[in-house]
């Protein structure tokens, strides 16, 4: 009897193989692209291996900027290939706060993310839609 049950289960598995990660709820790592930021930070204590901000693009739908430290004022801008500001936000950010720009309606092309603070941070990173 045990042999029949085991045989039946093995046959069932062979006929109906499981499909891994078929759900749309699963985070697809390949759809998240880091945006490399270059530039200068406001003071020497921030000149380490990590910048005070990070950025990434998800699914050509949004650009996300994360603040790794409290920042009393930051301006985030997305500039098109002609130098026009498409989106701009000025705000105070807390540590680990994420700001998201909806880019789903952007035309295909190359854009520049610009991050500035009144104390001298000036970071830029390019991304494509």
C-alpha atoms as a PDB file:
ATOM      1  CA  UNK A   1       0.000   0.000   0.000  1.00  0.00           C
ATOM      2  CA  UNK A   2       2.842   2.439   0.899  1.00  0.00           C
ATOM      3  CA  UNK A   3       4.533   1.688  -2.405  1.00  0.00           C
ATOM      4  CA  UNK A   4       1.343   2.484  -4.317  1.00  0.00           C
ATOM      5  CA  UNK A   5       0.929   5.843  -2.551  1.00  0.00           C
ATOM      6  CA  UNK A   6       4.551   6.838  -3.166  1.00  0.00           C
ATOM      7  CA  UNK A   7       4.298   5.787  -6.796  1.00  0.00           C
ATOM      8  CA  UNK A   8       1.077   7.754  -7.185  1.00  0.00           C
ATOM      9  CA  UNK A   9       2.666  10.902  -5.676  1.00  0.00           C
ATOM     10  CA  UNK A  10       5.751  10.641  -7.874  1.00  0.00           C
ATOM     11  CA  UNK A  11       3.553  10.188 -10.933  1.00  0.00           C
ATOM     12  CA  UNK A  12       1.444  13.183  -9.920  1.00  0.00           C
ATOM     13  CA  UNK A  13       4.542  15.352  -9.552  1.00  0.00           C
ATOM     14  CA  UNK A  14       5.909  14.203 -12.906  1.00  0.00           C
ATOM     15  CA  UNK A  15       2.645  14.985 -14.684  1.00  0.00           C
ATOM     16  CA  UNK A  16       2.033  18.355 -12.965  1.00  0.00           C
ATOM     17  CA  UNK A  17       5.412  20.013 -12.314  1.00  0.00           C
ATOM     18  CA  UNK A  18       5.313  23.038 -10.017  1.00  0.00           C
ATOM     19  CA  UNK A  19       5.940  26.387 -11.606  1.00  0.00           C
ATOM     20  CA  UNK A  20       8.188  28.483  -9.405  1.00  0.00           C
ATOM     21  CA  UNK A  21       7.590  32.210  -9.011  1.00  0.00           C
ATOM     22  CA  UNK A  22       4.649  32.480 -11.355  1.00  0.00           C
ATOM     23  CA  UNK A  23       2.873  35.062  -9.215  1.00  0.00           C
ATOM     24  CA  UNK A  24       3.049  38.713 -10.239  1.00  0.00           C
ATOM     25  CA  UNK A  25       3.480  39.570  -6.543  1.00  0.00           C
ATOM     26  CA  UNK A  26       7.036  38.255  -6.538  1.00  0.00           C
ATOM     27  CA  UNK A  27       9.683  40.994  -6.629  1.00  0.00           C
ATOM     28  CA  UNK A  28      11.575  40.663  -9.880  1.00  0.00           C
ATOM     29  CA  UNK A  29      15.143  41.761  -9.160  1.00  0.00           C
ATOM     30  CA  UNK A  30      15.962  42.251 -12.848  1.00  0.00           C
ATOM     31  CA  UNK A  31      13.356  45.039 -13.062  1.00  0.00           C
ATOM     32  CA  UNK A  32      15.173  47.212 -10.502  1.00  0.00           C
ATOM     33  CA  UNK A  33      18.093  49.181 -11.946  1.00  0.00           C
ATOM     34  CA  UNK A  34      20.474  51.178  -9.780  1.00  0.00           C
ATOM     35  CA  UNK A  35      21.144  54.751 -10.884  1.00  0.00           C
ATOM     36  CA  UNK A  36      24.835  55.510 -10.373  1.00  0.00           C
ATOM     37  CA  UNK A  37      25.240  58.865  -8.655  1.00  0.00           C
ATOM     38  CA  UNK A  38      28.346  61.007  -9.137  1.00  0.00           C
ATOM     39  CA  UNK A  39      29.250  64.410  -7.773  1.00  0.00           C
ATOM     40  CA  UNK A  40      30.156  65.995  -4.465  1.00  0.00           C
ATOM     41  CA  UNK A  41      28.706  65.917  -0.980  1.00  0.00           C
ATOM     42  CA  UNK A  42      28.345  68.807   1.433  1.00  0.00           C
ATOM     43  CA  UNK A  43      31.186  68.032   3.853  1.00  0.00           C
ATOM     44  CA  UNK A  44      34.129  65.723   4.545  1.00  0.00           C
ATOM     45  CA  UNK A  45      32.216  63.418   6.896  1.00  0.00           C
ATOM     46  CA  UNK A  46      30.070  62.295   3.946  1.00  0.00           C
ATOM     47  CA  UNK A  47      33.070  61.471   1.740  1.00  0.00           C
ATOM     48  CA  UNK A  48      32.975  57.786   2.516  1.00  0.00           C
ATOM     49  CA  UNK A  49      32.242  54.720   0.430  1.00  0.00           C
ATOM     50  CA  UNK A  50      28.524  55.438   0.669  1.00  0.00           C
ATOM     51  CA  UNK A  51      26.779  58.580  -0.493  1.00  0.00           C
ATOM     52  CA  UNK A  52      24.057  60.234   1.613  1.00  0.00           C
ATOM     53  CA  UNK A  53      21.558  59.285  -1.131  1.00  0.00           C
ATOM     54  CA  UNK A  54      20.846  56.314  -3.350  1.00  0.00           C
ATOM     55  CA  UNK A  55      18.635  55.978  -6.415  1.00  0.00           C
ATOM     56  CA  UNK A  56      17.109  53.257  -8.535  1.00  0.00           C
ATOM     57  CA  UNK A  57      14.590  52.784 -11.341  1.00  0.00           C
ATOM     58  CA  UNK A  58      11.805  50.200 -11.246  1.00  0.00           C
ATOM     59  CA  UNK A  59      10.112  48.746 -14.344  1.00  0.00           C
ATOM     60  CA  UNK A  60      10.311  52.029 -16.307  1.00  0.00           C
ATOM     61  CA  UNK A  61       7.462  53.102 -14.032  1.00  0.00           C
ATOM     62  CA  UNK A  62       9.197  55.019 -11.260  1.00  0.00           C
ATOM     63  CA  UNK A  63      12.462  56.465 -10.046  1.00  0.00           C
ATOM     64  CA  UNK A  64      13.100  56.120  -6.313  1.00  0.00           C
ATOM     65  CA  UNK A  65      15.546  58.160  -4.234  1.00  0.00           C
ATOM     66  CA  UNK A  66      16.471  57.100  -0.708  1.00  0.00           C
ATOM     67  CA  UNK A  67      18.029  59.364   1.907  1.00  0.00           C
ATOM     68  CA  UNK A  68      20.497  57.569   4.176  1.00  0.00           C
ATOM     69  CA  UNK A  69      20.579  60.426   6.692  1.00  0.00           C
ATOM     70  CA  UNK A  70      18.291  63.222   7.883  1.00  0.00           C
ATOM     71  CA  UNK A  71      18.444  66.111   5.432  1.00  0.00           C
ATOM     72  CA  UNK A  72      16.769  69.403   6.429  1.00  0.00           C
ATOM     73  CA  UNK A  73      16.391  70.455   2.765  1.00  0.00           C
ATOM     74  CA  UNK A  74      17.006  68.660  -0.516  1.00  0.00           C
ATOM     75  CA  UNK A  75      15.956  69.394  -4.083  1.00  0.00           C
ATOM     76  CA  UNK A  76      15.358  66.442  -6.387  1.00  0.00           C
ATOM     77  CA  UNK A  77      14.984  67.149 -10.101  1.00  0.00           C
ATOM     78  CA  UNK A  78      14.583  65.071 -13.231  1.00  0.00           C
ATOM     79  CA  UNK A  79      16.003  66.789 -16.308  1.00  0.00           C
ATOM     80  CA  UNK A  80      15.320  65.756 -19.909  1.00  0.00           C
ATOM     81  CA  UNK A  81      17.913  65.596 -22.718  1.00  0.00           C
ATOM     82  CA  UNK A  82      17.221  69.261 -23.597  1.00  0.00           C
ATOM     83  CA  UNK A  83      17.944  70.532 -20.084  1.00  0.00           C
ATOM     84  CA  UNK A  84      14.303  71.045 -19.106  1.00  0.00           C
ATOM     85  CA  UNK A  85      13.186  70.139 -15.586  1.00  0.00           C
ATOM     86  CA  UNK A  86      10.410  67.545 -15.968  1.00  0.00           C
ATOM     87  CA  UNK A  87       9.794  66.955 -12.238  1.00  0.00           C
ATOM     88  CA  UNK A  88      11.153  68.790  -9.184  1.00  0.00           C
ATOM     89  CA  UNK A  89      10.600  68.334  -5.470  1.00  0.00           C
ATOM     90  CA  UNK A  90      12.121  70.325  -2.595  1.00  0.00           C
ATOM     91  CA  UNK A  91      11.598  68.896   0.861  1.00  0.00           C
ATOM     92  CA  UNK A  92      13.133  67.833   4.147  1.00  0.00           C
ATOM     93  CA  UNK A  93      13.915  64.094   4.268  1.00  0.00           C
ATOM     94  CA  UNK A  94      14.355  61.773   7.208  1.00  0.00           C
ATOM     95  CA  UNK A  95      16.782  58.888   7.388  1.00  0.00           C
ATOM     96  CA  UNK A  96      15.750  55.994   5.113  1.00  0.00           C
ATOM     97  CA  UNK A  97      12.886  57.972   3.600  1.00  0.00           C
ATOM     98  CA  UNK A  98      12.151  57.069  -0.039  1.00  0.00           C
ATOM     99  CA  UNK A  99      10.856  59.621  -2.543  1.00  0.00           C
ATOM    100  CA  UNK A 100       9.269  58.270  -5.722  1.00  0.00           C
ATOM    101  CA  UNK A 101       8.774  59.946  -9.095  1.00  0.00           C
ATOM    102  CA  UNK A 102       6.226  58.439 -11.488  1.00  0.00           C
ATOM    103  CA  UNK A 103       7.961  58.161 -14.888  1.00  0.00           C
ATOM    104  CA  UNK A 104       5.367  55.956 -16.591  1.00  0.00           C
ATOM    105  CA  UNK A 105       4.279  58.798 -18.912  1.00  0.00           C
ATOM    106  CA  UNK A 106       7.797  59.934 -19.859  1.00  0.00           C
ATOM    107  CA  UNK A 107       8.810  59.737 -23.514  1.00  0.00           C
ATOM    108  CA  UNK A 108      11.574  57.293 -24.444  1.00  0.00           C
ATOM    109  CA  UNK A 109      14.964  58.847 -23.910  1.00  0.00           C
ATOM    110  CA  UNK A 110      17.741  59.626 -21.464  1.00  0.00           C
ATOM    111  CA  UNK A 111      17.079  61.634 -18.313  1.00  0.00           C
ATOM    112  CA  UNK A 112      19.274  63.000 -15.523  1.00  0.00           C
ATOM    113  CA  UNK A 113      18.415  62.860 -11.843  1.00  0.00           C
ATOM    114  CA  UNK A 114      19.904  65.832  -9.938  1.00  0.00           C
ATOM    115  CA  UNK A 115      20.118  65.923  -6.126  1.00  0.00           C
ATOM    116  CA  UNK A 116      21.174  69.179  -4.454  1.00  0.00           C
ATOM    117  CA  UNK A 117      21.229  70.646  -0.955  1.00  0.00           C
ATOM    118  CA  UNK A 118      21.862  74.237   0.210  1.00  0.00           C
ATOM    119  CA  UNK A 119      25.026  73.055   1.983  1.00  0.00           C
ATOM    120  CA  UNK A 120      26.763  71.923  -1.199  1.00  0.00           C
ATOM    121  CA  UNK A 121      25.684  68.429  -2.166  1.00  0.00           C
ATOM    122  CA  UNK A 122      25.418  68.091  -5.949  1.00  0.00           C
ATOM    123  CA  UNK A 123      24.840  64.575  -7.265  1.00  0.00           C
ATOM    124  CA  UNK A 124      23.729  63.478 -10.714  1.00  0.00           C
ATOM    125  CA  UNK A 125      22.786  60.158 -12.257  1.00  0.00           C
ATOM    126  CA  UNK A 126      21.468  59.197 -15.684  1.00  0.00           C
ATOM    127  CA  UNK A 127      18.700  56.738 -16.519  1.00  0.00           C
ATOM    128  CA  UNK A 128      16.770  55.717 -19.622  1.00  0.00           C
ATOM    129  CA  UNK A 129      13.097  55.185 -20.276  1.00  0.00           C
END
